[in-house]
Every structure is written in structure tokens, then in C-alpha cells.
Amino acid sequence: MSLLAKPFPTEMTTPINLEGNKKMSVEAHRNLFCTAYDECLNEAVKRGWNSFTCVRCPNYTVTHVSPENSIEAFATQRKSA
């Protein structure tokens, strides 16, 4: 079992582009399958950020995302709060 470091989301001044530019896509900036994702999302809301990135977080590359996982799968399989 691997332990995650303290999550470290970073504010983005420009919104993530859901279509088009790969550099600004959700997959390029967030690890949706990270176990700390909800915590980071809550932190961004508390701070009033319009958007955030996971790229500078030490946990960004920890969680392996299998090819069958996608943004669509993520959106339809979210656990309820």
C-alpha cells in the first residue's frame, strides 16, 4: 500500500478547455482517479478558485489510470457525497 503525500492543488487563472487544445485539457491538468481528488476539489471551492491543476502535486503521477478509464467513465461513475 502506497501512502500519498499531502495533496497540493494549484490555482489556474484560465479555465480548463473541455474540447480542443490538449495542453489545456482536463487529462493534462488533473488526475481524476487520485484518491485525494475530492479533497483538492473541496480546497479549490473553499478558496474560490475558478479552476485548479494537479500538475505540481506530488500525487499527480501516483495513481495509474487504465486505458478504459476516461472522462466520460469518470463522470458517470462518481460516488455520491
Protein backbone atom coordinates (compact mmCIF):
# COMPACT_ATOMS: atom_id res chain seq x y z
CA MET A 1 0.00 0.00 0.00
CA SER A 2 1.46 3.34 -1.01
CA LEU A 3 0.91 6.44 1.08
CA LEU A 4 0.01 9.66 -0.64
CA ALA A 5 1.77 12.91 0.12
CA LYS A 6 -0.26 15.91 1.27
CA PRO A 7 -2.37 16.98 -1.73
CA PHE A 8 -1.22 20.21 -3.36
CA PRO A 9 -3.71 21.67 -5.85
CA THR A 10 -2.64 24.89 -7.58
CA GLU A 11 -4.95 27.63 -8.82
CA MET A 12 -5.24 28.11 -12.58
CA THR A 13 -6.01 31.57 -13.89
CA THR A 14 -7.51 30.23 -17.12
CA PRO A 15 -10.30 27.66 -17.29
CA ILE A 16 -9.69 24.12 -18.47
CA ASN A 17 -10.84 23.64 -22.06
CA LEU A 18 -13.13 20.62 -22.31
CA GLU A 19 -12.70 20.49 -26.08
CA GLY A 20 -9.85 21.41 -28.36
CA ASN A 21 -6.39 22.30 -27.05
CA LYS A 22 -4.81 19.17 -25.47
CA LYS A 23 -2.44 21.38 -23.42
CA MET A 24 -5.44 22.85 -21.58
CA SER A 25 -7.47 19.62 -21.33
CA VAL A 26 -8.71 18.00 -18.13
CA GLU A 27 -6.40 15.00 -18.65
CA ALA A 28 -3.37 17.29 -18.91
CA HIS A 29 -4.10 19.11 -15.64
CA ARG A 30 -5.92 16.76 -13.31
CA ASN A 31 -5.59 13.21 -12.04
CA LEU A 32 -9.32 12.46 -11.81
CA PHE A 33 -8.64 8.99 -10.39
CA CYS A 34 -6.45 10.18 -7.49
CA THR A 35 -7.87 9.22 -4.11
CA ALA A 36 -7.29 12.82 -2.94
CA TYR A 37 -9.15 14.40 -5.89
CA ASP A 38 -12.30 15.19 -3.89
CA GLU A 39 -10.19 16.80 -1.16
CA CYS A 40 -8.47 19.00 -3.74
CA LEU A 41 -11.78 19.90 -5.37
CA ASN A 42 -13.13 20.95 -1.96
CA GLU A 43 -10.00 23.04 -1.33
CA ALA A 44 -10.40 24.82 -4.67
CA VAL A 45 -14.04 25.63 -3.86
CA LYS A 46 -13.15 26.89 -0.36
CA ARG A 47 -10.52 29.20 -1.84
CA GLY A 48 -12.88 30.45 -4.55
CA TRP A 49 -10.73 29.25 -7.44
CA ASN A 50 -12.33 29.10 -10.90
CA SER A 51 -10.05 26.22 -11.84
CA PHE A 52 -7.11 24.22 -10.49
CA THR A 53 -4.34 21.93 -11.66
CA CYS A 54 -2.80 18.84 -10.08
CA VAL A 55 0.45 19.05 -12.08
CA ARG A 56 2.58 20.39 -9.18
CA CYS A 57 1.15 17.90 -6.68
CA PRO A 58 3.46 15.03 -5.66
CA ASN A 59 0.49 12.66 -6.09
CA TYR A 60 -0.17 13.68 -9.71
CA THR A 61 1.53 10.62 -11.21
CA VAL A 62 0.97 8.16 -8.35
CA THR A 63 -2.42 6.77 -9.39
CA HIS A 64 -2.28 4.62 -12.50
CA VAL A 65 -5.13 5.32 -14.94
CA SER A 66 -6.01 2.37 -17.14
CA PRO A 67 -6.92 2.98 -20.80
CA GLU A 68 -10.57 2.04 -20.31
CA ASN A 69 -10.96 4.94 -17.89
CA SER A 70 -11.97 8.22 -19.48
CA ILE A 71 -13.57 11.50 -18.55
CA GLU A 72 -16.93 10.05 -19.58
CA ALA A 73 -16.47 6.99 -17.35
CA PHE A 74 -15.32 9.23 -14.50
CA ALA A 75 -18.37 11.48 -14.80
CA THR A 76 -20.86 8.62 -14.83
CA GLN A 77 -19.22 6.63 -12.02
CA ARG A 78 -18.66 9.34 -9.37
CA LYS A 79 -19.51 8.27 -5.86
CA SER A 80 -22.29 10.22 -4.25
CA ALA A 81 -21.37 12.59 -1.45
